[in-house]
């Protein structure tokens, strides 16, 4: 019998999620309504934030956050090159320019010193990304932002529930965007959440996310609603339906459980791979910081291996292990190269991380025997392709 393929990701969906969705279907209220408001309250309480606004994607959460800054055409926003395109593309929606920055040496997150070198009179904000669930150096980011009068929007698509110096990500900056895409630590299939402690931001964002119409407009078809509404802003269509919010609430109730399992898997990987000098483990966190382990980003050391990253991935596939790569730096993509004038070599740390990284399977439903299979497959490939050392007389 063939050994089953270990997928890079499997959603952790159980009877609780199915029951929650069934309850919404039976209620006959399918779009944004009571279940969404419940999810928002629970999410804000879980992270310790004042306001949580559910939207239909993490990209929408970023777009909504940026809309609150009232950027003007020609304004600039600092964005890491080492991220998914959504982080930068939302800046262009407002006629502003994403200015790409390098990663820290030997890591994945934005290099604050490099970001500061790109600050101009047009720079209005910075969007740090907690890559893989590793918290960025927020103290340095906030200090730099304060010195130059910049707004900070955290892209926390990977960072639920990560912590920075004892504070949950989502409570450290004025605006933080989360994603509930199918592969995220909790999922609604598609969805996102914008967190803020500022009442003015929350009030305007609630209006903007549903066509800019007046507050509580979603109730106009319910028994306690009214048909009358007013359009206060040119808004967006970003609301999250109750069906997906019910799924989110059920997932959120397992958030700590999911984190414990992800952490356990990460620790097993680290223990197995630490003895292999041909591999580089994820960066070590600072005091008071907690990784969400959305990704386990393993890096190869090509000088002492007779195999490249791409071939390593193909060999793992032959051994029944699914993997992925996070991320191809933005400056290497045609759009950003053409519109920003970027070229290969501009961001060496981001390129180094990309060229050597492999994302291994890490999710709550990954069984112990599967963790063992993944670990053994990686170890076997390293041993097979290890470069012979020349003895020195």
Foldseek 3Di string as FASTA:
>chain_A
DDDAFAALFDFDDDPQLVVLLVVCVVVVAWFDDDLQVVLFVVVCVVQVFDGKAKWFWLLVQLLLVVVVLVAAAAAEEEEELQADCSNQVSCVVRNYHYDYAFCPFPARWGDLVRSLVPDDPRYAAYETECPQQNDDPVVSVVVSCVVRVHAYEYECQAHVAKWDLQHGPLPRHQKYKYGQDRLHLHHLNTIIMITGRDPVSNLQSQCQQCQQKDPPCVCCPPPPHNVDIDRDDRHHPIGGISSSSSSRVSSVVCRVVWQVQLVVLLVVLCVLCVVPPQKDFHDDHDPNIGGSNSWGKIFGNVVFFQDWPVVLQVQVVVLSFHKDFRDDRNCPDPVCCVVVVGDPPPHVSSVRSRRTIITGRGTNPQDPVNSVSSSVSNVVNCVVGGHDDDDDD
